[in-house]
Amino acid sequence: MERSERGADTSGVSAAERFLKGRDGLRAIEALPWLAAIAFPIAFPDCALLGTHVLIMMLFALSLDVIVGYAGIVTLGHAAYFGVGAYTAGLVSARLGWSEPISGLLAAGIAAGAFGLVTGSVLLRYQHLALIMLTLVLSTMVFELANAWADLTGGWDGLMGIQLGPLLGLFEWDLRGLTSYGYALTVLMASFWWLRFLSASPFMQGLRGIRENRARMRAIGTPITFHLLIAFTLSATLAGVAGALFAQANAFITIEVLGFERSAAVLTMLLLGGVGRLYGALAGALVFIVAADWLAKMSPIYWEFGVGLLLVLVVLLYPNGLLGAIERVRAQCRRRSA
């Protein structure tokens, strides 16, 4: 591990110093999206439920960006970990009577992380197309298992009976979704800033190196399999937490949370916003869900065509996603001003 850290960060600068003032350092403009998120339910209280869904999918997209954007692991089965988290949170409430939301959230994160650790130790033995297909197979197997265990999961009829007590014993769950919005925003902010700090660490620098040149990282002594397995477990844990938020916010889940459509949707969000950029995951989820909601109101049958067309246009015109396009425009403006 020491050798890999030297190879990824030879400057001797600590992760905290890099986070505060380096290339990955804090910028004042980063406060704007979070201030907007805090102000959103105040300005649009009737849209809090939609906002909650956006925040949950932002966290889900963030979890996928850990392995796709940083480690270069493409997967078509990330919904398996989202679904494990959702069902864990739902089952501990509906079957075990856990009414405390935080305990259900922690249980979901642990269950999804453990599942990610076990499955990742097998999946990561493969690369490229074989890995992509195996993740798809895994997701399908989990989906069919949930359907077969309908007595436990509810199957297509859904898991009912999810009962939650007041959040932290103080905040009652309201029909407008203000409590669930604040809850989801708090979890998203904590997860994002943890990843934001981690992005400046030798570990994440090592993942970038593995993504760019695996042979060279192996030559300098980087434990590649260990790095990738940790990243995969971290990604699965965050996906499970997002799934738990989904189950708790809706108080109802079906096996749709394990479906291929959800895996494809979150990958689309990441491509829209920009792979390998934490804020890209946030932007992509926002654009995808708002566009899907607007298009579904215009055409309930053909809205998916509109979303697909949007993705094609973004990929053709802005290969690095919407955030990459913004960065390119800013660079051009700086060159012209200079």
C-alpha atoms as a PDB file:
ATOM      1  CA  MET A   1       0.000   0.000   0.000  1.00  0.00           C
ATOM      2  CA  GLU A   2       2.826   2.401   0.791  1.00  0.00           C
ATOM      3  CA  ARG A   3       4.366   1.829  -2.628  1.00  0.00           C
ATOM      4  CA  SER A   4       1.047   2.495  -4.359  1.00  0.00           C
ATOM      5  CA  GLU A   5       0.560   5.705  -2.421  1.00  0.00           C
ATOM      6  CA  ARG A   6       4.007   6.935  -3.400  1.00  0.00           C
ATOM      7  CA  GLY A   7       3.293   6.057  -6.998  1.00  0.00           C
ATOM      8  CA  ALA A   8      -0.006   7.924  -6.961  1.00  0.00           C
ATOM      9  CA  ASP A   9       1.161  10.960  -4.981  1.00  0.00           C
ATOM     10  CA  THR A  10       4.866  11.659  -5.028  1.00  0.00           C
ATOM     11  CA  SER A  11       4.604  15.272  -3.938  1.00  0.00           C
ATOM     12  CA  GLY A  12       4.348  14.411  -0.252  1.00  0.00           C
ATOM     13  CA  VAL A  13       1.325  16.683   0.079  1.00  0.00           C
ATOM     14  CA  SER A  14      -1.379  15.327   2.351  1.00  0.00           C
ATOM     15  CA  ALA A  15      -4.905  14.650   1.114  1.00  0.00           C
ATOM     16  CA  ALA A  16      -6.219  17.412   3.374  1.00  0.00           C
ATOM     17  CA  GLU A  17      -3.823  19.963   1.862  1.00  0.00           C
ATOM     18  CA  ARG A  18      -4.731  18.867  -1.664  1.00  0.00           C
ATOM     19  CA  PHE A  19      -8.417  19.106  -0.770  1.00  0.00           C
ATOM     20  CA  LEU A  20      -8.064  22.654   0.544  1.00  0.00           C
ATOM     21  CA  LYS A  21      -5.758  24.239  -1.992  1.00  0.00           C
ATOM     22  CA  GLY A  22      -4.631  21.788  -4.680  1.00  0.00           C
ATOM     23  CA  ARG A  23      -6.018  20.831  -8.065  1.00  0.00           C
ATOM     24  CA  ASP A  24      -8.909  19.110  -6.312  1.00  0.00           C
ATOM     25  CA  GLY A  25      -9.279  21.924  -3.804  1.00  0.00           C
ATOM     26  CA  LEU A  26     -12.372  23.731  -2.612  1.00  0.00           C
ATOM     27  CA  ARG A  27     -13.834  26.586  -4.634  1.00  0.00           C
ATOM     28  CA  ALA A  28     -16.288  29.215  -3.483  1.00  0.00           C
ATOM     29  CA  ILE A  29     -18.610  28.469  -6.401  1.00  0.00           C
ATOM     30  CA  GLU A  30     -19.212  24.972  -5.009  1.00  0.00           C
ATOM     31  CA  ALA A  31     -21.481  26.472  -2.351  1.00  0.00           C
ATOM     32  CA  LEU A  32     -24.032  27.580  -4.961  1.00  0.00           C
ATOM     33  CA  PRO A  33     -25.655  24.211  -5.836  1.00  0.00           C
ATOM     34  CA  TRP A  34     -25.971  23.295  -2.178  1.00  0.00           C
ATOM     35  CA  LEU A  35     -27.521  26.648  -1.276  1.00  0.00           C
ATOM     36  CA  ALA A  36     -29.941  26.159  -4.168  1.00  0.00           C
ATOM     37  CA  ALA A  37     -30.810  22.676  -2.905  1.00  0.00           C
ATOM     38  CA  ILE A  38     -31.498  24.037   0.581  1.00  0.00           C
ATOM     39  CA  ALA A  39     -33.659  26.842  -0.787  1.00  0.00           C
ATOM     40  CA  PHE A  40     -35.606  24.595  -3.188  1.00  0.00           C
ATOM     41  CA  PRO A  41     -38.263  23.263  -0.758  1.00  0.00           C
ATOM     42  CA  ILE A  42     -38.773  26.782   0.567  1.00  0.00           C
ATOM     43  CA  ALA A  43     -39.363  28.208  -2.894  1.00  0.00           C
ATOM     44  CA  PHE A  44     -41.245  25.191  -4.271  1.00  0.00           C
ATOM     45  CA  PRO A  45     -42.773  23.271  -1.326  1.00  0.00           C
ATOM     46  CA  ASP A  46     -45.201  21.405  -3.597  1.00  0.00           C
ATOM     47  CA  CYS A  47     -42.276  19.902  -5.543  1.00  0.00           C
ATOM     48  CA  ALA A  48     -40.505  18.427  -2.502  1.00  0.00           C
ATOM     49  CA  LEU A  49     -41.399  14.842  -3.452  1.00  0.00           C
ATOM     50  CA  LEU A  50     -39.897  15.245  -6.912  1.00  0.00           C
ATOM     51  CA  GLY A  51     -36.883  16.930  -5.347  1.00  0.00           C
ATOM     52  CA  THR A  52     -36.445  13.981  -2.986  1.00  0.00           C
ATOM     53  CA  HIS A  53     -36.393  11.582  -5.915  1.00  0.00           C
ATOM     54  CA  VAL A  54     -33.780  13.744  -7.656  1.00  0.00           C
ATOM     55  CA  LEU A  55     -31.560  13.727  -4.554  1.00  0.00           C
ATOM     56  CA  ILE A  56     -31.813   9.951  -4.190  1.00  0.00           C
ATOM     57  CA  MET A  57     -30.859   9.394  -7.810  1.00  0.00           C
ATOM     58  CA  MET A  58     -27.998  11.857  -7.415  1.00  0.00           C
ATOM     59  CA  LEU A  59     -26.601   9.665  -4.649  1.00  0.00           C
ATOM     60  CA  PHE A  60     -27.119   6.578  -6.800  1.00  0.00           C
ATOM     61  CA  ALA A  61     -25.270   8.231  -9.699  1.00  0.00           C
ATOM     62  CA  LEU A  62     -22.458   9.240  -7.330  1.00  0.00           C
ATOM     63  CA  SER A  63     -22.067   5.632  -6.248  1.00  0.00           C
ATOM     64  CA  LEU A  64     -21.731   4.521  -9.856  1.00  0.00           C
ATOM     65  CA  ASP A  65     -19.202   7.272 -10.618  1.00  0.00           C
ATOM     66  CA  VAL A  66     -16.828   5.787  -8.025  1.00  0.00           C
ATOM     67  CA  ILE A  67     -16.284   2.688 -10.139  1.00  0.00           C
ATOM     68  CA  VAL A  68     -17.003   3.993 -13.639  1.00  0.00           C
ATOM     69  CA  GLY A  69     -15.397   7.416 -13.448  1.00  0.00           C
ATOM     70  CA  TYR A  70     -12.471   6.694 -11.164  1.00  0.00           C
ATOM     71  CA  ALA A  71     -11.757   2.981 -11.572  1.00  0.00           C
ATOM     72  CA  GLY A  72     -12.951   2.527 -15.156  1.00  0.00           C
ATOM     73  CA  ILE A  73     -15.255  -0.391 -14.267  1.00  0.00           C
ATOM     74  CA  VAL A  74     -18.353  -0.312 -16.499  1.00  0.00           C
ATOM     75  CA  THR A  75     -21.378  -2.140 -15.119  1.00  0.00           C
ATOM     76  CA  LEU A  76     -24.931  -2.777 -16.298  1.00  0.00           C
ATOM     77  CA  GLY A  77     -26.085  -4.266 -13.005  1.00  0.00           C
ATOM     78  CA  HIS A  78     -25.648  -1.536 -10.422  1.00  0.00           C
ATOM     79  CA  ALA A  79     -29.355  -1.721  -9.603  1.00  0.00           C
ATOM     80  CA  ALA A  80     -28.632  -4.974  -7.747  1.00  0.00           C
ATOM     81  CA  TYR A  81     -26.953  -3.029  -4.932  1.00  0.00           C
ATOM     82  CA  PHE A  82     -29.593  -0.309  -4.992  1.00  0.00           C
ATOM     83  CA  GLY A  83     -32.252  -2.997  -4.657  1.00  0.00           C
ATOM     84  CA  VAL A  84     -30.438  -4.855  -1.864  1.00  0.00           C
ATOM     85  CA  GLY A  85     -30.327  -1.608   0.102  1.00  0.00           C
ATOM     86  CA  ALA A  86     -33.969  -0.847  -0.600  1.00  0.00           C
ATOM     87  CA  TYR A  87     -35.170  -4.305   0.426  1.00  0.00           C
ATOM     88  CA  THR A  88     -32.979  -4.352   3.525  1.00  0.00           C
ATOM     89  CA  ALA A  89     -34.412  -1.059   4.761  1.00  0.00           C
ATOM     90  CA  GLY A  90     -37.918  -2.177   3.864  1.00  0.00           C
ATOM     91  CA  LEU A  91     -37.681  -5.639   5.417  1.00  0.00           C
ATOM     92  CA  VAL A  92     -36.170  -4.519   8.727  1.00  0.00           C
ATOM     93  CA  SER A  93     -39.135  -2.171   9.058  1.00  0.00           C
ATOM     94  CA  ALA A  94     -41.949  -4.347   7.691  1.00  0.00           C
ATOM     95  CA  ARG A  95     -40.753  -7.698   9.085  1.00  0.00           C
ATOM     96  CA  LEU A  96     -38.633  -6.795  12.114  1.00  0.00           C
ATOM     97  CA  GLY A  97     -40.458  -3.684  13.216  1.00  0.00           C
ATOM     98  CA  TRP A  98     -37.490  -1.296  13.110  1.00  0.00           C
ATOM     99  CA  SER A  99     -39.112   2.118  12.983  1.00  0.00           C
ATOM    100  CA  GLU A 100     -35.951   4.218  13.348  1.00  0.00           C
ATOM    101  CA  PRO A 101     -34.980   5.426   9.835  1.00  0.00           C
ATOM    102  CA  ILE A 102     -31.278   5.847  10.627  1.00  0.00           C
ATOM    103  CA  SER A 103     -30.903   2.235  11.791  1.00  0.00           C
ATOM    104  CA  GLY A 104     -32.568   1.000   8.614  1.00  0.00           C
ATOM    105  CA  LEU A 105     -30.255   3.200   6.559  1.00  0.00           C
ATOM    106  CA  LEU A 106     -27.165   1.809   8.284  1.00  0.00           C
ATOM    107  CA  ALA A 107     -28.397  -1.772   7.909  1.00  0.00           C
ATOM    108  CA  ALA A 108     -28.976  -1.191   4.203  1.00  0.00           C
ATOM    109  CA  GLY A 109     -25.512   0.258   3.689  1.00  0.00           C
ATOM    110  CA  ILE A 110     -23.879  -2.654   5.507  1.00  0.00           C
ATOM    111  CA  ALA A 111     -25.907  -5.279   3.610  1.00  0.00           C
ATOM    112  CA  ALA A 112     -25.227  -3.719   0.203  1.00  0.00           C
ATOM    113  CA  GLY A 113     -21.545  -3.228   1.032  1.00  0.00           C
ATOM    114  CA  ALA A 114     -21.181  -6.848   2.126  1.00  0.00           C
ATOM    115  CA  PHE A 115     -22.943  -7.985  -1.029  1.00  0.00           C
ATOM    116  CA  GLY A 116     -20.639  -5.777  -3.080  1.00  0.00           C
ATOM    117  CA  LEU A 117     -17.570  -7.204  -1.352  1.00  0.00           C
ATOM    118  CA  VAL A 118     -18.618 -10.797  -2.026  1.00  0.00           C
ATOM    119  CA  THR A 119     -19.742 -10.304  -5.621  1.00  0.00           C
ATOM    120  CA  GLY A 120     -16.896  -7.927  -6.428  1.00  0.00           C
ATOM    121  CA  SER A 121     -14.308 -10.507  -5.388  1.00  0.00           C
ATOM    122  CA  VAL A 122     -15.645 -12.675  -8.229  1.00  0.00           C
ATOM    123  CA  LEU A 123     -16.600 -10.071 -10.829  1.00  0.00           C
ATOM    124  CA  LEU A 124     -13.311  -8.187 -10.708  1.00  0.00           C
ATOM    125  CA  ARG A 125     -11.423 -11.234 -11.924  1.00  0.00           C
ATOM    126  CA  TYR A 126     -12.752 -10.293 -15.367  1.00  0.00           C
ATOM    127  CA  GLN A 127     -12.448  -7.190 -17.525  1.00  0.00           C
ATOM    128  CA  HIS A 128     -14.126  -5.371 -20.392  1.00  0.00           C
ATOM    129  CA  LEU A 129     -17.050  -7.124 -22.113  1.00  0.00           C
ATOM    130  CA  ALA A 130     -16.951 -10.198 -19.863  1.00  0.00           C
ATOM    131  CA  LEU A 131     -17.249  -8.005 -16.770  1.00  0.00           C
ATOM    132  CA  ILE A 132     -20.106  -5.979 -18.269  1.00  0.00           C
ATOM    133  CA  MET A 133     -22.079  -9.104 -19.129  1.00  0.00           C
ATOM    134  CA  LEU A 134     -21.444 -10.690 -15.734  1.00  0.00           C
ATOM    135  CA  THR A 135     -22.773  -7.616 -13.933  1.00  0.00           C
ATOM    136  CA  LEU A 136     -25.896  -7.804 -16.094  1.00  0.00           C
ATOM    137  CA  VAL A 137     -26.281 -11.507 -15.279  1.00  0.00           C
ATOM    138  CA  LEU A 138     -25.840 -10.799 -11.565  1.00  0.00           C
ATOM    139  CA  SER A 139     -28.535  -8.135 -11.611  1.00  0.00           C
ATOM    140  CA  THR A 140     -30.907 -10.466 -13.463  1.00  0.00           C
ATOM    141  CA  MET A 141     -30.277 -13.272 -10.969  1.00  0.00           C
ATOM    142  CA  VAL A 142     -30.998 -10.993  -8.008  1.00  0.00           C
ATOM    143  CA  PHE A 143     -34.146  -9.758  -9.751  1.00  0.00           C
ATOM    144  CA  GLU A 144     -35.428 -13.299 -10.324  1.00  0.00           C
ATOM    145  CA  LEU A 145     -34.513 -14.300  -6.776  1.00  0.00           C
ATOM    146  CA  ALA A 146     -36.587 -11.438  -5.396  1.00  0.00           C
ATOM    147  CA  ASN A 147     -39.462 -12.524  -7.602  1.00  0.00           C
ATOM    148  CA  ALA A 148     -39.144 -16.151  -6.472  1.00  0.00           C
ATOM    149  CA  TRP A 149     -39.176 -15.106  -2.810  1.00  0.00           C
ATOM    150  CA  ALA A 150     -42.463 -13.240  -3.193  1.00  0.00           C
ATOM    151  CA  ASP A 151     -43.579 -14.319   0.286  1.00  0.00           C
ATOM    152  CA  LEU A 152     -40.700 -12.311   1.701  1.00  0.00           C
ATOM    153  CA  THR A 153     -40.266  -9.486  -0.818  1.00  0.00           C
ATOM    154  CA  GLY A 154     -43.831  -9.100  -2.053  1.00  0.00           C
ATOM    155  CA  GLY A 155     -42.740  -9.788  -5.633  1.00  0.00           C
ATOM    156  CA  TRP A 156     -44.561  -7.759  -8.271  1.00  0.00           C
ATOM    157  CA  ASP A 157     -47.198  -6.763  -5.713  1.00  0.00           C
ATOM    158  CA  GLY A 158     -44.567  -4.883  -3.739  1.00  0.00           C
ATOM    159  CA  LEU A 159     -43.367  -4.843  -0.149  1.00  0.00           C
ATOM    160  CA  MET A 160     -45.919  -3.129   2.051  1.00  0.00           C
ATOM    161  CA  GLY A 161     -46.042  -2.390   5.749  1.00  0.00           C
ATOM    162  CA  ILE A 162     -42.978  -0.114   5.900  1.00  0.00           C
ATOM    163  CA  GLN A 163     -43.568   2.019   8.980  1.00  0.00           C
ATOM    164  CA  LEU A 164     -41.159   4.724  10.079  1.00  0.00           C
ATOM    165  CA  GLY A 165     -41.071   6.680  13.289  1.00  0.00           C
ATOM    166  CA  PRO A 166     -40.184  10.376  13.473  1.00  0.00           C
ATOM    167  CA  LEU A 167     -36.747  11.123  12.083  1.00  0.00           C
ATOM    168  CA  LEU A 168     -34.356  11.425  15.042  1.00  0.00           C
ATOM    169  CA  GLY A 169     -37.483  11.352  17.199  1.00  0.00           C
ATOM    170  CA  LEU A 170     -38.220  14.956  16.180  1.00  0.00           C
ATOM    171  CA  PHE A 171     -39.405  15.247  12.578  1.00  0.00           C
ATOM    172  CA  GLU A 172     -42.682  13.638  11.532  1.00  0.00           C
ATOM    173  CA  TRP A 173     -43.026  12.341   7.972  1.00  0.00           C
ATOM    174  CA  ASP A 174     -45.367  14.683   6.099  1.00  0.00           C
ATOM    175  CA  LEU A 175     -47.354  14.121   2.921  1.00  0.00           C
ATOM    176  CA  ARG A 176     -45.663  17.017   1.127  1.00  0.00           C
ATOM    177  CA  GLY A 177     -42.302  15.286   1.508  1.00  0.00           C
ATOM    178  CA  LEU A 178     -40.441  18.076   3.284  1.00  0.00           C
ATOM    179  CA  THR A 179     -38.992  15.758   5.931  1.00  0.00           C
ATOM    180  CA  SER A 180     -37.907  13.159   3.372  1.00  0.00           C
ATOM    181  CA  TYR A 181     -36.338  15.947   1.285  1.00  0.00           C
ATOM    182  CA  GLY A 182     -34.297  17.244   4.201  1.00  0.00           C
ATOM    183  CA  TYR A 183     -33.333  13.691   5.146  1.00  0.00           C
ATOM    184  CA  ALA A 184     -32.196  12.816   1.609  1.00  0.00           C
ATOM    185  CA  LEU A 185     -30.329  16.116   1.226  1.00  0.00           C
ATOM    186  CA  THR A 186     -28.437  15.584   4.483  1.00  0.00           C
ATOM    187  CA  VAL A 187     -27.371  12.066   3.484  1.00  0.00           C
ATOM    188  CA  LEU A 188     -26.402  13.232  -0.020  1.00  0.00           C
ATOM    189  CA  MET A 189     -24.317  16.123   1.305  1.00  0.00           C
ATOM    190  CA  ALA A 190     -22.515  13.916   3.818  1.00  0.00           C
ATOM    191  CA  SER A 191     -21.782  11.295   1.143  1.00  0.00           C
ATOM    192  CA  PHE A 192     -20.729  13.823  -1.467  1.00  0.00           C
ATOM    193  CA  TRP A 193     -18.302  15.742   0.732  1.00  0.00           C
ATOM    194  CA  TRP A 194     -16.803  12.525   1.998  1.00  0.00           C
ATOM    195  CA  LEU A 195     -16.164  11.494  -1.622  1.00  0.00           C
ATOM    196  CA  ARG A 196     -15.011  15.036  -2.433  1.00  0.00           C
ATOM    197  CA  PHE A 197     -12.360  14.791   0.267  1.00  0.00           C
ATOM    198  CA  LEU A 198     -11.503  11.219  -0.723  1.00  0.00           C
ATOM    199  CA  SER A 199     -10.987  12.291  -4.359  1.00  0.00           C
ATOM    200  CA  ALA A 200      -7.780  14.064  -3.287  1.00  0.00           C
ATOM    201  CA  SER A 201      -6.447  11.014  -1.458  1.00  0.00           C
ATOM    202  CA  PRO A 202      -3.696   8.666  -2.689  1.00  0.00           C
ATOM    203  CA  PHE A 203      -6.296   5.905  -2.880  1.00  0.00           C
ATOM    204  CA  MET A 204      -8.414   7.702  -5.463  1.00  0.00           C
ATOM    205  CA  GLN A 205      -5.318   8.847  -7.314  1.00  0.00           C
ATOM    206  CA  GLY A 206      -4.333   5.204  -7.463  1.00  0.00           C
ATOM    207  CA  LEU A 207      -7.724   4.333  -8.962  1.00  0.00           C
ATOM    208  CA  ARG A 208      -7.207   6.945 -11.645  1.00  0.00           C
ATOM    209  CA  GLY A 209      -3.824   5.427 -12.396  1.00  0.00           C
ATOM    210  CA  ILE A 210      -5.337   1.945 -12.681  1.00  0.00           C
ATOM    211  CA  ARG A 211      -7.973   3.289 -15.047  1.00  0.00           C
ATOM    212  CA  GLU A 212      -5.399   4.987 -17.274  1.00  0.00           C
ATOM    213  CA  ASN A 213      -2.609   2.381 -17.271  1.00  0.00           C
ATOM    214  CA  ARG A 214      -3.122  -0.815 -15.325  1.00  0.00           C
ATOM    215  CA  ALA A 215       0.174  -2.348 -16.428  1.00  0.00           C
ATOM    216  CA  ARG A 216       2.207   0.618 -15.212  1.00  0.00           C
ATOM    217  CA  MET A 217       0.422   0.705 -11.837  1.00  0.00           C
ATOM    218  CA  ARG A 218       1.100  -3.012 -11.413  1.00  0.00           C
ATOM    219  CA  ALA A 219       4.758  -2.425 -12.270  1.00  0.00           C
ATOM    220  CA  ILE A 220       5.185   0.144  -9.472  1.00  0.00           C
ATOM    221  CA  GLY A 221       3.697  -2.256  -6.933  1.00  0.00           C
ATOM    222  CA  THR A 222       0.082  -1.090  -6.685  1.00  0.00           C
ATOM    223  CA  PRO A 223      -2.226  -3.831  -5.319  1.00  0.00           C
ATOM    224  CA  ILE A 224      -4.682  -3.447  -8.165  1.00  0.00           C
ATOM    225  CA  THR A 225      -7.206  -6.078  -7.126  1.00  0.00           C
ATOM    226  CA  PHE A 226      -7.351  -4.712  -3.575  1.00  0.00           C
ATOM    227  CA  HIS A 227      -7.840  -1.138  -4.821  1.00  0.00           C
ATOM    228  CA  LEU A 228     -10.626  -2.144  -7.171  1.00  0.00           C
ATOM    229  CA  LEU A 229     -12.372  -4.313  -4.595  1.00  0.00           C
ATOM    230  CA  ILE A 230     -12.396  -1.494  -2.044  1.00  0.00           C
ATOM    231  CA  ALA A 231     -13.784   0.895  -4.657  1.00  0.00           C
ATOM    232  CA  PHE A 232     -16.430  -1.653  -5.689  1.00  0.00           C
ATOM    233  CA  THR A 233     -17.484  -2.183  -2.063  1.00  0.00           C
ATOM    234  CA  LEU A 234     -17.657   1.558  -1.447  1.00  0.00           C
ATOM    235  CA  SER A 235     -19.766   2.013  -4.571  1.00  0.00           C
ATOM    236  CA  ALA A 236     -22.136  -0.792  -3.549  1.00  0.00           C
ATOM    237  CA  THR A 237     -22.492   0.685  -0.055  1.00  0.00           C
ATOM    238  CA  LEU A 238     -23.486   4.105  -1.383  1.00  0.00           C
ATOM    239  CA  ALA A 239     -25.902   2.501  -3.853  1.00  0.00           C
ATOM    240  CA  GLY A 240     -27.471   0.579  -0.963  1.00  0.00           C
ATOM    241  CA  VAL A 241     -27.866   3.779   1.044  1.00  0.00           C
ATOM    242  CA  ALA A 242     -29.587   5.380  -1.954  1.00  0.00           C
ATOM    243  CA  GLY A 243     -31.888   2.374  -2.191  1.00  0.00           C
ATOM    244  CA  ALA A 244     -32.713   2.642   1.502  1.00  0.00           C
ATOM    245  CA  LEU A 245     -33.621   6.308   1.075  1.00  0.00           C
ATOM    246  CA  PHE A 246     -35.870   5.314  -1.829  1.00  0.00           C
ATOM    247  CA  ALA A 247     -37.668   2.690   0.254  1.00  0.00           C
ATOM    248  CA  GLN A 248     -38.081   4.973   3.257  1.00  0.00           C
ATOM    249  CA  ALA A 249     -39.235   7.980   1.247  1.00  0.00           C
ATOM    250  CA  ASN A 250     -41.871   5.957  -0.624  1.00  0.00           C
ATOM    251  CA  ALA A 251     -42.772   3.482   2.166  1.00  0.00           C
ATOM    252  CA  PHE A 252     -43.298   0.960  -0.634  1.00  0.00           C
ATOM    253  CA  ILE A 253     -41.022  -0.926  -3.030  1.00  0.00           C
ATOM    254  CA  THR A 254     -41.358  -3.487  -5.807  1.00  0.00           C
ATOM    255  CA  ILE A 255     -38.802  -5.616  -7.618  1.00  0.00           C
ATOM    256  CA  GLU A 256     -38.610  -2.801 -10.159  1.00  0.00           C
ATOM    257  CA  VAL A 257     -35.811  -1.402  -7.987  1.00  0.00           C
ATOM    258  CA  LEU A 258     -33.697  -4.341  -9.190  1.00  0.00           C
ATOM    259  CA  GLY A 259     -34.593  -3.992 -12.865  1.00  0.00           C
ATOM    260  CA  PHE A 260     -32.236  -3.396 -15.761  1.00  0.00           C
ATOM    261  CA  GLU A 261     -34.057  -0.130 -16.527  1.00  0.00           C
ATOM    262  CA  ARG A 262     -32.756   1.389 -13.301  1.00  0.00           C
ATOM    263  CA  SER A 263     -29.178   0.330 -14.066  1.00  0.00           C
ATOM    264  CA  ALA A 264     -29.470   1.809 -17.550  1.00  0.00           C
ATOM    265  CA  ALA A 265     -31.035   5.013 -16.222  1.00  0.00           C
ATOM    266  CA  VAL A 266     -28.274   5.691 -13.699  1.00  0.00           C
ATOM    267  CA  LEU A 267     -25.586   5.038 -16.317  1.00  0.00           C
ATOM    268  CA  THR A 268     -27.398   7.471 -18.629  1.00  0.00           C
ATOM    269  CA  MET A 269     -27.377  10.091 -15.859  1.00  0.00           C
ATOM    270  CA  LEU A 270     -23.647   9.693 -15.472  1.00  0.00           C
ATOM    271  CA  LEU A 271     -23.029  10.023 -19.208  1.00  0.00           C
ATOM    272  CA  LEU A 272     -25.202  13.129 -19.378  1.00  0.00           C
ATOM    273  CA  GLY A 273     -23.432  14.910 -16.539  1.00  0.00           C
ATOM    274  CA  GLY A 274     -19.901  13.726 -17.186  1.00  0.00           C
ATOM    275  CA  VAL A 275     -18.056  10.602 -16.086  1.00  0.00           C
ATOM    276  CA  GLY A 276     -15.329  11.021 -13.485  1.00  0.00           C
ATOM    277  CA  ARG A 277     -16.706  14.312 -12.187  1.00  0.00           C
ATOM    278  CA  LEU A 278     -18.582  14.180  -8.899  1.00  0.00           C
ATOM    279  CA  TYR A 279     -20.649  17.208  -9.808  1.00  0.00           C
ATOM    280  CA  GLY A 280     -21.294  15.575 -13.168  1.00  0.00           C
ATOM    281  CA  ALA A 281     -23.227  12.816 -11.415  1.00  0.00           C
ATOM    282  CA  LEU A 282     -25.362  15.442  -9.669  1.00  0.00           C
ATOM    283  CA  ALA A 283     -25.970  17.433 -12.851  1.00  0.00           C
ATOM    284  CA  GLY A 284     -26.759  14.336 -14.899  1.00  0.00           C
ATOM    285  CA  ALA A 285     -29.327  13.053 -12.406  1.00  0.00           C
ATOM    286  CA  LEU A 286     -31.008  16.456 -12.258  1.00  0.00           C
ATOM    287  CA  VAL A 287     -31.189  16.848 -16.045  1.00  0.00           C
ATOM    288  CA  PHE A 288     -32.357  13.268 -16.600  1.00  0.00           C
ATOM    289  CA  ILE A 289     -35.178  13.297 -14.051  1.00  0.00           C
ATOM    290  CA  VAL A 290     -36.423  16.794 -14.874  1.00  0.00           C
ATOM    291  CA  ALA A 291     -36.338  16.029 -18.601  1.00  0.00           C
ATOM    292  CA  ALA A 292     -38.058  12.661 -18.091  1.00  0.00           C
ATOM    293  CA  ASP A 293     -40.764  14.255 -15.921  1.00  0.00           C
ATOM    294  CA  TRP A 294     -41.374  17.034 -18.452  1.00  0.00           C
ATOM    295  CA  LEU A 295     -41.363  14.693 -21.456  1.00  0.00           C
ATOM    296  CA  ALA A 296     -43.657  12.187 -19.712  1.00  0.00           C
ATOM    297  CA  LYS A 297     -46.215  14.950 -19.193  1.00  0.00           C
ATOM    298  CA  MET A 298     -45.966  15.892 -22.869  1.00  0.00           C
ATOM    299  CA  SER A 299     -46.067  12.319 -24.174  1.00  0.00           C
ATOM    300  CA  PRO A 300     -46.704   9.493 -21.674  1.00  0.00           C
ATOM    301  CA  ILE A 301     -45.990   6.905 -24.382  1.00  0.00           C
ATOM    302  CA  TYR A 302     -42.950   8.266 -26.242  1.00  0.00           C
ATOM    303  CA  TRP A 303     -41.090  10.132 -23.494  1.00  0.00           C
ATOM    304  CA  GLU A 304     -38.265   7.582 -23.498  1.00  0.00           C
ATOM    305  CA  PHE A 305     -37.519   8.491 -27.119  1.00  0.00           C
ATOM    306  CA  GLY A 306     -36.980  12.082 -26.029  1.00  0.00           C
ATOM    307  CA  VAL A 307     -34.599  11.052 -23.259  1.00  0.00           C
ATOM    308  CA  GLY A 308     -32.684   8.823 -25.662  1.00  0.00           C
ATOM    309  CA  LEU A 309     -32.426  11.644 -28.194  1.00  0.00           C
ATOM    310  CA  LEU A 310     -31.100  13.949 -25.472  1.00  0.00           C
ATOM    311  CA  LEU A 311     -28.423  11.403 -24.554  1.00  0.00           C
ATOM    312  CA  VAL A 312     -27.371  10.946 -28.195  1.00  0.00           C
ATOM    313  CA  LEU A 313     -27.066  14.704 -28.707  1.00  0.00           C
ATOM    314  CA  VAL A 314     -25.024  15.164 -25.545  1.00  0.00           C
ATOM    315  CA  VAL A 315     -22.679  12.281 -26.377  1.00  0.00           C
ATOM    316  CA  LEU A 316     -22.166  13.520 -29.946  1.00  0.00           C
ATOM    317  CA  LEU A 317     -21.740  17.195 -29.133  1.00  0.00           C
ATOM    318  CA  TYR A 318     -20.181  16.953 -25.663  1.00  0.00           C
ATOM    319  CA  PRO A 319     -18.356  13.612 -25.190  1.00  0.00           C
ATOM    320  CA  ASN A 320     -17.321  14.649 -21.662  1.00  0.00           C
ATOM    321  CA  GLY A 321     -20.884  15.398 -20.617  1.00  0.00           C
ATOM    322  CA  LEU A 322     -22.613  18.639 -19.744  1.00  0.00           C
ATOM    323  CA  LEU A 323     -20.092  19.493 -17.049  1.00  0.00           C
ATOM    324  CA  GLY A 324     -17.269  18.876 -19.479  1.00  0.00           C
ATOM    325  CA  ALA A 325     -18.958  21.247 -21.937  1.00  0.00           C
ATOM    326  CA  ILE A 326     -19.149  23.960 -19.282  1.00  0.00           C
ATOM    327  CA  GLU A 327     -15.470  23.477 -18.449  1.00  0.00           C
ATOM    328  CA  ARG A 328     -14.572  23.735 -22.148  1.00  0.00           C
ATOM    329  CA  VAL A 329     -16.512  26.987 -22.525  1.00  0.00           C
ATOM    330  CA  ARG A 330     -14.806  28.421 -19.450  1.00  0.00           C
ATOM    331  CA  ALA A 331     -11.376  27.452 -20.821  1.00  0.00           C
ATOM    332  CA  GLN A 332     -12.150  29.132 -24.141  1.00  0.00           C
ATOM    333  CA  CYS A 333     -13.278  32.288 -22.358  1.00  0.00           C
ATOM    334  CA  ARG A 334     -10.060  32.367 -20.345  1.00  0.00           C
ATOM    335  CA  ARG A 335      -7.950  31.970 -23.502  1.00  0.00           C
ATOM    336  CA  ARG A 336      -9.775  34.802 -25.242  1.00  0.00           C
ATOM    337  CA  SER A 337      -9.459  37.108 -22.231  1.00  0.00           C
ATOM    338  CA  ALA A 338      -5.730  36.343 -22.013  1.00  0.00           C
END
